[in-house]
N, C-alpha and C. Protein backbone atom coordinates (compact mmCIF):
# COMPACT_ATOMS: atom_id res chain seq x y z
N MET A 1 -84.30 141.62 -74.46
CA MET A 1 -83.97 141.40 -73.11
C MET A 1 -84.17 142.70 -72.35
N ALA A 2 -84.82 142.60 -71.26
CA ALA A 2 -85.12 143.77 -70.45
C ALA A 2 -83.96 144.08 -69.50
N ARG A 3 -83.71 145.34 -69.40
CA ARG A 3 -82.63 145.76 -68.50
C ARG A 3 -83.14 145.92 -67.09
N ARG A 4 -82.33 145.47 -66.19
CA ARG A 4 -82.69 145.64 -64.78
C ARG A 4 -82.11 146.94 -64.27
N GLU A 5 -82.92 147.69 -63.62
CA GLU A 5 -82.41 148.91 -63.04
C GLU A 5 -81.70 148.59 -61.73
N SER A 6 -80.59 149.31 -61.50
CA SER A 6 -79.86 149.07 -60.25
C SER A 6 -80.68 149.61 -59.08
N GLN A 7 -80.61 148.89 -58.03
CA GLN A 7 -81.37 149.27 -56.84
C GLN A 7 -80.60 150.32 -56.05
N GLU A 8 -81.30 151.32 -55.58
CA GLU A 8 -80.68 152.36 -54.78
C GLU A 8 -80.70 151.95 -53.31
N VAL A 9 -79.66 152.35 -52.62
CA VAL A 9 -79.56 152.07 -51.19
C VAL A 9 -80.24 153.22 -50.46
N ASN A 10 -81.11 152.87 -49.53
CA ASN A 10 -81.81 153.89 -48.75
C ASN A 10 -80.83 154.43 -47.70
N ALA A 11 -80.33 155.63 -47.93
CA ALA A 11 -79.32 156.22 -47.05
C ALA A 11 -79.94 157.04 -45.93
N GLY A 12 -81.23 157.19 -45.91
CA GLY A 12 -81.89 157.98 -44.87
C GLY A 12 -81.68 157.41 -43.49
N SER A 13 -81.77 156.10 -43.36
CA SER A 13 -81.59 155.50 -42.04
C SER A 13 -80.13 155.42 -41.65
N MET A 14 -79.22 155.50 -42.62
CA MET A 14 -77.79 155.44 -42.32
C MET A 14 -77.36 156.65 -41.49
N ALA A 15 -77.90 157.81 -41.78
CA ALA A 15 -77.58 159.02 -41.00
C ALA A 15 -78.10 158.88 -39.58
N ASP A 16 -79.27 158.29 -39.43
CA ASP A 16 -79.82 158.07 -38.08
C ASP A 16 -78.93 157.14 -37.28
N ILE A 17 -78.45 156.08 -37.92
CA ILE A 17 -77.59 155.12 -37.23
C ILE A 17 -76.27 155.78 -36.83
N ALA A 18 -75.69 156.58 -37.73
CA ALA A 18 -74.44 157.28 -37.41
C ALA A 18 -74.64 158.23 -36.23
N PHE A 19 -75.75 158.93 -36.20
CA PHE A 19 -76.05 159.84 -35.11
C PHE A 19 -76.20 159.09 -33.79
N LEU A 20 -76.90 157.95 -33.82
CA LEU A 20 -77.06 157.14 -32.61
C LEU A 20 -75.72 156.62 -32.11
N LEU A 21 -74.84 156.20 -33.04
CA LEU A 21 -73.51 155.73 -32.64
C LEU A 21 -72.70 156.86 -32.00
N LEU A 22 -72.80 158.04 -32.57
CA LEU A 22 -72.11 159.20 -32.01
C LEU A 22 -72.57 159.48 -30.58
N ILE A 23 -73.87 159.49 -30.38
CA ILE A 23 -74.43 159.71 -29.04
C ILE A 23 -73.97 158.61 -28.09
N PHE A 24 -73.99 157.36 -28.55
CA PHE A 24 -73.57 156.23 -27.72
C PHE A 24 -72.13 156.41 -27.24
N PHE A 25 -71.22 156.76 -28.16
CA PHE A 25 -69.82 156.92 -27.78
C PHE A 25 -69.59 158.14 -26.89
N LEU A 26 -70.35 159.20 -27.09
CA LEU A 26 -70.23 160.36 -26.22
C LEU A 26 -70.66 160.05 -24.79
N VAL A 27 -71.70 159.23 -24.68
CA VAL A 27 -72.24 158.90 -23.35
C VAL A 27 -71.36 157.88 -22.64
N THR A 28 -70.81 156.92 -23.36
CA THR A 28 -70.10 155.82 -22.71
C THR A 28 -68.62 156.06 -22.48
N THR A 29 -68.01 156.99 -23.21
CA THR A 29 -66.58 157.21 -23.01
C THR A 29 -66.34 158.12 -21.82
N THR A 30 -65.19 157.94 -21.20
CA THR A 30 -64.82 158.80 -20.07
C THR A 30 -63.69 159.71 -20.51
N MET A 31 -63.73 160.91 -20.00
CA MET A 31 -62.67 161.87 -20.29
C MET A 31 -61.67 161.83 -19.15
N ASP A 32 -60.40 162.04 -19.49
CA ASP A 32 -59.39 162.13 -18.44
C ASP A 32 -59.69 163.33 -17.58
N SER A 33 -59.65 163.10 -16.27
CA SER A 33 -59.90 164.23 -15.38
C SER A 33 -58.64 165.08 -15.27
N ASP A 34 -58.83 166.34 -14.95
CA ASP A 34 -57.70 167.25 -14.81
C ASP A 34 -56.87 166.86 -13.60
N LYS A 35 -55.59 167.05 -13.74
CA LYS A 35 -54.69 166.79 -12.62
C LYS A 35 -54.14 168.12 -12.14
N GLY A 36 -53.84 168.19 -10.87
CA GLY A 36 -53.28 169.42 -10.33
C GLY A 36 -53.74 169.63 -8.91
N LEU A 37 -53.59 170.82 -8.44
CA LEU A 37 -53.97 171.17 -7.08
C LEU A 37 -55.41 171.63 -7.04
N GLY A 38 -56.17 171.09 -6.13
CA GLY A 38 -57.54 171.55 -5.93
C GLY A 38 -57.55 172.70 -4.95
N THR A 39 -57.36 173.88 -5.43
CA THR A 39 -57.29 175.06 -4.57
C THR A 39 -58.53 175.90 -4.76
N ILE A 40 -59.12 176.30 -3.67
CA ILE A 40 -60.29 177.18 -3.73
C ILE A 40 -59.79 178.61 -3.62
N LEU A 41 -60.09 179.39 -4.63
CA LEU A 41 -59.66 180.78 -4.63
C LEU A 41 -60.58 181.62 -3.75
N PRO A 42 -60.03 182.63 -3.10
CA PRO A 42 -60.89 183.50 -2.29
C PRO A 42 -61.81 184.31 -3.20
N PRO A 43 -62.94 184.77 -2.67
CA PRO A 43 -63.84 185.58 -3.50
C PRO A 43 -63.17 186.89 -3.91
N TYR A 44 -63.58 187.40 -5.05
CA TYR A 44 -63.02 188.64 -5.57
C TYR A 44 -63.40 189.80 -4.66
N GLU A 45 -62.43 190.63 -4.36
CA GLU A 45 -62.67 191.82 -3.56
C GLU A 45 -62.13 193.02 -4.31
N GLU A 46 -62.73 194.16 -4.06
CA GLU A 46 -62.31 195.39 -4.74
C GLU A 46 -60.95 195.88 -4.26
N GLU A 47 -60.50 195.40 -3.11
CA GLU A 47 -59.21 195.84 -2.57
C GLU A 47 -58.09 195.34 -3.48
N PRO A 48 -56.99 196.08 -3.57
CA PRO A 48 -55.87 195.61 -4.38
C PRO A 48 -55.25 194.36 -3.74
N PRO A 49 -54.64 193.48 -4.54
CA PRO A 49 -54.03 192.28 -3.98
C PRO A 49 -52.85 192.62 -3.08
N ILE A 50 -52.46 191.66 -2.27
CA ILE A 50 -51.36 191.85 -1.34
C ILE A 50 -50.08 192.12 -2.13
N ASP A 51 -49.40 193.18 -1.80
CA ASP A 51 -48.13 193.51 -2.44
C ASP A 51 -47.04 193.24 -1.41
N ASN A 52 -46.26 192.17 -1.66
CA ASN A 52 -45.25 191.76 -0.69
C ASN A 52 -44.24 192.87 -0.38
N LYS A 53 -43.89 193.70 -1.36
CA LYS A 53 -42.92 194.76 -1.14
C LYS A 53 -43.49 195.85 -0.24
N ALA A 54 -44.80 196.09 -0.36
CA ALA A 54 -45.42 197.14 0.45
C ALA A 54 -45.61 196.68 1.89
N LYS A 55 -45.73 195.38 2.11
CA LYS A 55 -45.91 194.87 3.47
C LYS A 55 -44.59 194.94 4.22
N ASN A 56 -44.68 194.94 5.50
CA ASN A 56 -43.50 194.91 6.34
C ASN A 56 -42.73 193.62 6.04
N GLU A 57 -41.44 193.74 5.75
CA GLU A 57 -40.61 192.57 5.43
C GLU A 57 -40.67 191.52 6.53
N ARG A 58 -40.90 191.96 7.73
CA ARG A 58 -40.97 191.03 8.86
C ARG A 58 -42.09 190.02 8.67
N ASN A 59 -43.16 190.43 8.03
CA ASN A 59 -44.34 189.58 7.90
C ASN A 59 -44.37 188.73 6.64
N VAL A 60 -43.28 188.73 5.88
CA VAL A 60 -43.23 187.93 4.65
C VAL A 60 -42.24 186.79 4.83
N PHE A 61 -42.73 185.57 4.69
CA PHE A 61 -41.93 184.35 4.78
C PHE A 61 -41.62 183.93 3.35
N GLU A 62 -40.41 184.24 2.91
CA GLU A 62 -40.04 184.07 1.51
C GLU A 62 -39.51 182.67 1.23
N ILE A 63 -40.16 181.99 0.27
CA ILE A 63 -39.75 180.64 -0.14
C ILE A 63 -39.45 180.68 -1.63
N LEU A 64 -38.24 180.29 -2.00
CA LEU A 64 -37.83 180.22 -3.40
C LEU A 64 -37.42 178.79 -3.72
N VAL A 65 -37.80 178.31 -4.90
CA VAL A 65 -37.35 177.00 -5.38
C VAL A 65 -36.64 177.25 -6.70
N ASN A 66 -35.34 176.90 -6.77
CA ASN A 66 -34.58 177.21 -7.97
C ASN A 66 -34.70 176.10 -9.02
N ALA A 67 -33.98 176.24 -10.13
CA ALA A 67 -34.06 175.30 -11.24
C ALA A 67 -33.52 173.92 -10.88
N ASN A 68 -32.66 173.84 -9.85
CA ASN A 68 -32.16 172.55 -9.37
C ASN A 68 -33.05 171.97 -8.28
N ASN A 69 -34.23 172.56 -8.11
CA ASN A 69 -35.21 172.10 -7.13
C ASN A 69 -34.71 172.21 -5.70
N GLN A 70 -33.84 173.18 -5.46
CA GLN A 70 -33.35 173.44 -4.11
C GLN A 70 -34.23 174.51 -3.48
N LEU A 71 -34.52 174.31 -2.21
CA LEU A 71 -35.41 175.20 -1.48
C LEU A 71 -34.60 176.25 -0.71
N MET A 72 -34.97 177.51 -0.91
CA MET A 72 -34.37 178.61 -0.16
C MET A 72 -35.47 179.26 0.65
N VAL A 73 -35.33 179.25 1.96
CA VAL A 73 -36.32 179.86 2.85
C VAL A 73 -35.63 180.99 3.60
N GLU A 74 -36.17 182.19 3.44
CA GLU A 74 -35.58 183.37 4.07
C GLU A 74 -34.08 183.47 3.75
N LYS A 75 -33.74 183.26 2.48
CA LYS A 75 -32.38 183.38 1.95
C LYS A 75 -31.40 182.34 2.49
N GLN A 76 -31.93 181.24 3.05
CA GLN A 76 -31.07 180.16 3.52
C GLN A 76 -31.60 178.84 2.97
N GLU A 77 -30.66 177.98 2.56
CA GLU A 77 -31.05 176.69 2.02
C GLU A 77 -31.71 175.86 3.12
N MET A 78 -32.78 175.15 2.75
CA MET A 78 -33.52 174.34 3.71
C MET A 78 -34.00 173.06 3.04
N ASP A 79 -34.01 171.98 3.78
CA ASP A 79 -34.57 170.73 3.29
C ASP A 79 -36.10 170.82 3.35
N ILE A 80 -36.76 170.27 2.36
CA ILE A 80 -38.23 170.36 2.30
C ILE A 80 -38.87 169.73 3.54
N ALA A 81 -38.21 168.73 4.11
CA ALA A 81 -38.76 168.06 5.29
C ALA A 81 -38.92 169.01 6.48
N HIS A 82 -38.18 170.11 6.51
CA HIS A 82 -38.24 171.06 7.63
C HIS A 82 -39.18 172.24 7.36
N LEU A 83 -39.78 172.28 6.18
CA LEU A 83 -40.59 173.43 5.79
C LEU A 83 -41.85 173.57 6.65
N THR A 84 -42.49 172.46 7.00
CA THR A 84 -43.71 172.52 7.81
C THR A 84 -43.43 173.19 9.16
N GLU A 85 -42.40 172.73 9.84
CA GLU A 85 -42.08 173.28 11.16
C GLU A 85 -41.64 174.74 11.07
N ALA A 86 -40.85 175.07 10.03
CA ALA A 86 -40.41 176.46 9.87
C ALA A 86 -41.60 177.38 9.61
N THR A 87 -42.56 176.91 8.82
CA THR A 87 -43.76 177.71 8.54
C THR A 87 -44.57 177.93 9.81
N LYS A 88 -44.75 176.87 10.58
CA LYS A 88 -45.51 176.99 11.83
C LYS A 88 -44.82 177.96 12.79
N GLU A 89 -43.51 177.86 12.88
CA GLU A 89 -42.74 178.74 13.77
C GLU A 89 -42.90 180.20 13.34
N PHE A 90 -42.85 180.45 12.01
CA PHE A 90 -42.98 181.82 11.51
C PHE A 90 -44.37 182.38 11.78
N ILE A 91 -45.41 181.62 11.47
CA ILE A 91 -46.78 182.12 11.61
C ILE A 91 -47.16 182.28 13.08
N LEU A 92 -46.88 181.29 13.90
CA LEU A 92 -47.29 181.34 15.31
C LEU A 92 -46.42 182.28 16.13
N ASN A 93 -45.13 182.34 15.84
CA ASN A 93 -44.18 183.18 16.57
C ASN A 93 -44.46 183.14 18.07
N PRO A 94 -44.34 181.96 18.68
CA PRO A 94 -44.74 181.81 20.09
C PRO A 94 -43.92 182.64 21.08
N HIS A 95 -42.68 183.00 20.70
CA HIS A 95 -41.82 183.76 21.62
C HIS A 95 -41.73 185.23 21.22
N ASN A 96 -42.59 185.67 20.30
CA ASN A 96 -42.62 187.06 19.83
C ASN A 96 -41.24 187.57 19.39
N LEU A 97 -40.55 186.77 18.60
CA LEU A 97 -39.24 187.15 18.10
C LEU A 97 -39.39 188.22 17.02
N PRO A 98 -38.51 189.22 16.99
CA PRO A 98 -38.65 190.32 16.03
C PRO A 98 -38.42 189.91 14.57
N GLU A 99 -37.74 188.78 14.33
CA GLU A 99 -37.49 188.35 12.95
C GLU A 99 -38.63 187.49 12.38
N LEU A 100 -39.59 187.13 13.22
CA LEU A 100 -40.75 186.35 12.76
C LEU A 100 -41.97 187.26 12.63
N SER A 101 -43.08 186.70 12.18
CA SER A 101 -44.26 187.52 11.87
C SER A 101 -44.81 188.26 13.09
N ASP A 102 -45.34 189.43 12.80
CA ASP A 102 -45.96 190.28 13.80
C ASP A 102 -47.40 189.82 14.01
N LYS A 103 -48.02 190.29 15.08
CA LYS A 103 -49.41 189.93 15.36
C LYS A 103 -50.24 191.20 15.52
N GLU A 104 -51.52 191.05 15.27
CA GLU A 104 -52.46 192.15 15.49
C GLU A 104 -53.68 191.60 16.22
N THR A 105 -54.37 192.46 16.95
CA THR A 105 -55.56 192.05 17.67
C THR A 105 -56.77 192.20 16.76
N ARG A 106 -57.54 191.11 16.65
CA ARG A 106 -58.77 191.13 15.84
C ARG A 106 -59.91 190.56 16.67
N LYS A 107 -61.11 191.03 16.36
CA LYS A 107 -62.31 190.48 16.99
C LYS A 107 -62.77 189.28 16.16
N ILE A 108 -62.76 188.12 16.79
CA ILE A 108 -63.13 186.87 16.12
C ILE A 108 -64.48 186.42 16.64
N THR A 109 -65.39 186.09 15.73
CA THR A 109 -66.71 185.59 16.12
C THR A 109 -66.54 184.35 16.99
N LEU A 110 -67.29 184.24 18.05
CA LEU A 110 -67.28 183.16 19.05
C LEU A 110 -66.10 183.24 20.02
N LEU A 111 -65.03 183.97 19.66
CA LEU A 111 -63.83 183.95 20.50
C LEU A 111 -63.47 185.31 21.09
N GLY A 112 -64.03 186.38 20.59
CA GLY A 112 -63.69 187.71 21.08
C GLY A 112 -62.37 188.21 20.52
N GLN A 113 -61.65 189.01 21.31
CA GLN A 113 -60.38 189.60 20.87
C GLN A 113 -59.28 188.54 20.91
N ARG A 114 -58.57 188.40 19.80
CA ARG A 114 -57.48 187.42 19.69
C ARG A 114 -56.29 188.02 18.96
N GLN A 115 -55.11 187.56 19.32
CA GLN A 115 -53.89 187.91 18.59
C GLN A 115 -53.80 187.02 17.35
N VAL A 116 -53.72 187.66 16.17
CA VAL A 116 -53.68 186.93 14.90
C VAL A 116 -52.42 187.32 14.14
N SER A 117 -51.77 186.34 13.55
CA SER A 117 -50.55 186.59 12.79
C SER A 117 -50.82 187.44 11.55
N LYS A 118 -49.88 188.33 11.25
CA LYS A 118 -49.96 189.13 10.03
C LYS A 118 -49.08 188.51 8.94
N GLY A 119 -48.58 187.30 9.20
CA GLY A 119 -47.64 186.65 8.29
C GLY A 119 -48.24 186.23 6.96
N VAL A 120 -47.44 186.41 5.91
CA VAL A 120 -47.81 186.01 4.55
C VAL A 120 -46.70 185.11 4.02
N ILE A 121 -47.09 183.98 3.44
CA ILE A 121 -46.13 183.08 2.83
C ILE A 121 -45.97 183.50 1.37
N SER A 122 -44.76 183.80 0.95
CA SER A 122 -44.48 184.19 -0.44
C SER A 122 -43.72 183.05 -1.11
N LEU A 123 -44.34 182.42 -2.10
CA LEU A 123 -43.74 181.28 -2.80
C LEU A 123 -43.42 181.68 -4.23
N GLN A 124 -42.17 181.45 -4.62
CA GLN A 124 -41.77 181.71 -6.00
C GLN A 124 -40.90 180.57 -6.48
N THR A 125 -41.18 180.11 -7.69
CA THR A 125 -40.43 179.00 -8.28
C THR A 125 -39.72 179.47 -9.54
N ALA A 126 -38.75 178.67 -9.95
CA ALA A 126 -38.08 178.92 -11.23
C ALA A 126 -38.91 178.28 -12.34
N ASN A 127 -38.67 178.73 -13.56
CA ASN A 127 -39.38 178.14 -14.70
C ASN A 127 -39.11 176.64 -14.83
N ASP A 128 -37.92 176.21 -14.43
CA ASP A 128 -37.51 174.82 -14.60
C ASP A 128 -37.75 173.96 -13.37
N THR A 129 -38.41 174.47 -12.37
CA THR A 129 -38.70 173.68 -11.17
C THR A 129 -39.60 172.51 -11.54
N LYS A 130 -39.26 171.33 -11.03
CA LYS A 130 -40.08 170.15 -11.31
C LYS A 130 -41.43 170.30 -10.62
N TYR A 131 -42.46 169.84 -11.32
CA TYR A 131 -43.82 169.95 -10.79
C TYR A 131 -43.96 169.18 -9.49
N GLN A 132 -43.31 168.02 -9.38
CA GLN A 132 -43.40 167.21 -8.17
C GLN A 132 -42.83 167.96 -6.96
N VAL A 133 -41.76 168.71 -7.18
CA VAL A 133 -41.16 169.50 -6.09
C VAL A 133 -42.12 170.62 -5.68
N TYR A 134 -42.72 171.27 -6.67
CA TYR A 134 -43.71 172.32 -6.39
C TYR A 134 -44.87 171.74 -5.57
N LEU A 135 -45.36 170.57 -5.96
CA LEU A 135 -46.46 169.94 -5.21
C LEU A 135 -46.04 169.59 -3.79
N THR A 136 -44.81 169.12 -3.63
CA THR A 136 -44.32 168.77 -2.30
C THR A 136 -44.26 170.01 -1.41
N VAL A 137 -43.78 171.13 -1.95
CA VAL A 137 -43.74 172.38 -1.19
C VAL A 137 -45.15 172.80 -0.81
N GLN A 138 -46.08 172.75 -1.76
CA GLN A 138 -47.48 173.11 -1.48
C GLN A 138 -48.06 172.20 -0.40
N ASN A 139 -47.78 170.91 -0.48
CA ASN A 139 -48.30 169.97 0.53
C ASN A 139 -47.74 170.27 1.92
N GLU A 140 -46.46 170.64 1.99
CA GLU A 140 -45.86 170.97 3.29
C GLU A 140 -46.49 172.24 3.87
N LEU A 141 -46.75 173.22 3.02
CA LEU A 141 -47.41 174.45 3.50
C LEU A 141 -48.82 174.14 3.97
N LEU A 142 -49.54 173.34 3.20
CA LEU A 142 -50.90 172.95 3.59
C LEU A 142 -50.89 172.17 4.89
N ARG A 143 -49.92 171.26 5.04
CA ARG A 143 -49.80 170.48 6.28
C ARG A 143 -49.57 171.42 7.47
N ALA A 144 -48.72 172.42 7.30
CA ALA A 144 -48.43 173.36 8.39
C ALA A 144 -49.71 174.06 8.85
N PHE A 145 -50.49 174.59 7.90
CA PHE A 145 -51.71 175.30 8.27
C PHE A 145 -52.75 174.34 8.85
N ASN A 146 -52.85 173.14 8.31
CA ASN A 146 -53.80 172.16 8.87
C ASN A 146 -53.43 171.79 10.30
N GLU A 147 -52.13 171.60 10.56
CA GLU A 147 -51.70 171.26 11.92
C GLU A 147 -51.94 172.43 12.89
N MET A 148 -51.64 173.65 12.45
CA MET A 148 -51.87 174.82 13.31
C MET A 148 -53.35 174.97 13.63
N ARG A 149 -54.20 174.82 12.63
CA ARG A 149 -55.64 174.96 12.84
C ARG A 149 -56.18 173.84 13.71
N ASN A 150 -55.68 172.62 13.51
CA ASN A 150 -56.14 171.50 14.33
C ASN A 150 -55.73 171.69 15.79
N ASP A 151 -54.48 172.08 16.02
CA ASP A 151 -54.01 172.33 17.39
C ASP A 151 -54.81 173.45 18.05
N PHE A 152 -55.08 174.52 17.31
CA PHE A 152 -55.87 175.63 17.84
C PHE A 152 -57.29 175.17 18.18
N ALA A 153 -57.89 174.34 17.32
CA ALA A 153 -59.25 173.84 17.56
C ALA A 153 -59.29 172.99 18.82
N ILE A 154 -58.28 172.15 19.01
CA ILE A 154 -58.25 171.29 20.20
C ILE A 154 -58.08 172.15 21.46
N ARG A 155 -57.18 173.15 21.42
CA ARG A 155 -56.97 174.02 22.58
C ARG A 155 -58.21 174.87 22.89
N THR A 156 -58.89 175.34 21.84
CA THR A 156 -59.99 176.29 22.04
C THR A 156 -61.33 175.61 22.25
N PHE A 157 -61.64 174.61 21.43
CA PHE A 157 -62.96 173.97 21.47
C PHE A 157 -62.94 172.55 22.03
N GLY A 158 -61.76 172.00 22.29
CA GLY A 158 -61.66 170.67 22.85
C GLY A 158 -61.94 169.55 21.87
N LYS A 159 -61.92 169.85 20.57
CA LYS A 159 -62.10 168.80 19.56
C LYS A 159 -61.33 169.17 18.30
N GLU A 160 -61.10 168.15 17.47
CA GLU A 160 -60.32 168.37 16.26
C GLU A 160 -61.06 169.25 15.26
N TYR A 161 -60.29 169.87 14.39
CA TYR A 161 -60.84 170.82 13.41
C TYR A 161 -61.94 170.18 12.56
N ASN A 162 -61.74 168.96 12.10
CA ASN A 162 -62.74 168.30 11.24
C ASN A 162 -64.04 168.00 11.97
N ASP A 163 -64.03 167.99 13.29
CA ASP A 163 -65.24 167.71 14.07
C ASP A 163 -66.01 168.98 14.45
N LEU A 164 -65.49 170.13 14.11
CA LEU A 164 -66.15 171.40 14.46
C LEU A 164 -67.33 171.68 13.54
N ASP A 165 -68.27 172.49 14.04
CA ASP A 165 -69.36 172.93 13.15
C ASP A 165 -68.87 174.11 12.31
N LYS A 166 -69.70 174.57 11.40
CA LYS A 166 -69.28 175.61 10.44
C LYS A 166 -68.81 176.89 11.13
N ASN A 167 -69.55 177.36 12.13
CA ASN A 167 -69.18 178.60 12.82
C ASN A 167 -67.85 178.47 13.56
N GLU A 168 -67.64 177.32 14.18
CA GLU A 168 -66.38 177.09 14.89
C GLU A 168 -65.21 177.02 13.90
N LYS A 169 -65.43 176.36 12.75
CA LYS A 169 -64.38 176.30 11.72
C LYS A 169 -64.05 177.70 11.21
N ASP A 170 -65.08 178.52 11.01
CA ASP A 170 -64.85 179.90 10.56
C ASP A 170 -64.01 180.66 11.58
N ALA A 171 -64.29 180.45 12.86
CA ALA A 171 -63.52 181.13 13.91
C ALA A 171 -62.06 180.69 13.89
N VAL A 172 -61.83 179.41 13.66
CA VAL A 172 -60.45 178.90 13.60
C VAL A 172 -59.74 179.48 12.37
N ARG A 173 -60.43 179.51 11.23
CA ARG A 173 -59.82 180.06 10.01
C ARG A 173 -59.51 181.56 10.16
N GLU A 174 -60.36 182.29 10.88
CA GLU A 174 -60.09 183.71 11.13
C GLU A 174 -58.90 183.87 12.07
N SER A 175 -58.75 182.95 13.01
CA SER A 175 -57.67 183.03 13.99
C SER A 175 -56.32 182.65 13.38
N ILE A 176 -56.34 181.73 12.41
CA ILE A 176 -55.12 181.31 11.73
C ILE A 176 -55.37 181.42 10.22
N PRO A 177 -55.28 182.64 9.69
CA PRO A 177 -55.55 182.82 8.26
C PRO A 177 -54.42 182.23 7.41
N LYS A 178 -54.82 181.63 6.30
CA LYS A 178 -53.84 181.04 5.37
C LYS A 178 -53.62 182.03 4.23
N LEU A 179 -52.56 182.82 4.35
CA LEU A 179 -52.23 183.82 3.34
C LEU A 179 -50.98 183.36 2.59
N ILE A 180 -51.19 182.85 1.38
CA ILE A 180 -50.08 182.38 0.55
C ILE A 180 -50.11 183.17 -0.75
N SER A 181 -49.01 183.84 -1.02
CA SER A 181 -48.87 184.62 -2.24
C SER A 181 -47.92 183.87 -3.18
N GLU A 182 -48.42 183.54 -4.37
CA GLU A 182 -47.58 182.85 -5.35
C GLU A 182 -47.23 183.80 -6.48
N ALA A 183 -45.94 184.00 -6.67
CA ALA A 183 -45.48 184.87 -7.75
C ALA A 183 -45.30 184.03 -9.01
N GLU A 184 -45.32 184.70 -10.15
CA GLU A 184 -45.10 184.02 -11.43
C GLU A 184 -43.72 183.38 -11.41
N PRO A 185 -43.59 182.17 -12.00
CA PRO A 185 -42.26 181.55 -12.08
C PRO A 185 -41.28 182.45 -12.83
N VAL A 186 -40.05 182.45 -12.37
CA VAL A 186 -39.02 183.28 -13.00
C VAL A 186 -37.78 182.44 -13.26
N LYS A 187 -36.82 183.03 -13.90
CA LYS A 187 -35.55 182.36 -14.15
C LYS A 187 -34.67 182.61 -12.93
N ILE A 188 -34.58 181.61 -12.05
CA ILE A 188 -33.78 181.71 -10.83
C ILE A 188 -32.51 180.91 -11.06
N ALA A 189 -31.38 181.49 -10.77
CA ALA A 189 -30.10 180.82 -10.98
C ALA A 189 -30.03 179.55 -10.15
N ALA A 190 -29.37 178.54 -10.70
CA ALA A 190 -29.29 177.24 -10.04
C ALA A 190 -28.02 177.08 -9.22
N ASN A 191 -27.22 178.11 -9.04
CA ASN A 191 -25.95 178.11 -8.29
C ASN A 191 -24.94 177.24 -8.99
C-alpha cells in the first residue's frame, strides 16, 4: 500500500491577505479626535515672556479658581456669569479709573494713534479645579474679547468684526490685544 504524503498549505498568500486586511482596517477605522481648547499660540519671539510680578499690578487682572471651583477675581469672590462684564470693564477702563488697566498710545495700521489697554489677564487654577469650570472661565474670557472687538469694529468700520477684511481685523486685534497669562495649576486652598 502506498503512503499518501500530506499536502502542504501554501502560506505565501496568507501573509498577503493579512497585510491587505491590516491596510483595510487602518483606512476604514476612525480615531477619536482630541478634545480641548482650540487655542492658537502666538509665534515664538526672542523677548522673555510676560512676567506678571514685573508688570505694574494695576495692569494685571487676577483670576483664581480654587479646588471648590469658586472664582476669585482681584481677591474677591465673583460668580462666573459676571466675569465677561468685569473683564470688559478692566480692559476698556472707560472712565480711566486708577484701579483698572492703564493705557498707552500706539500707532495702529489704518487707524493712526490710538489708546490701547496695557491690561493682562492672569488665570490660575487649582490642581483639583474641574475641567468644565476651567472651560467656562475660558469661554467667558473669550466672549469678553470677542464682544469688545466686535463693538470696536462696529464703531470704527461700521460693520461687525467677522465681516472685516484681513487688514481691518488686524487693526482691531492691535487695538484690543488679547493678553492672557495662564500659570501652572497649584494647590489653592478651598476655604
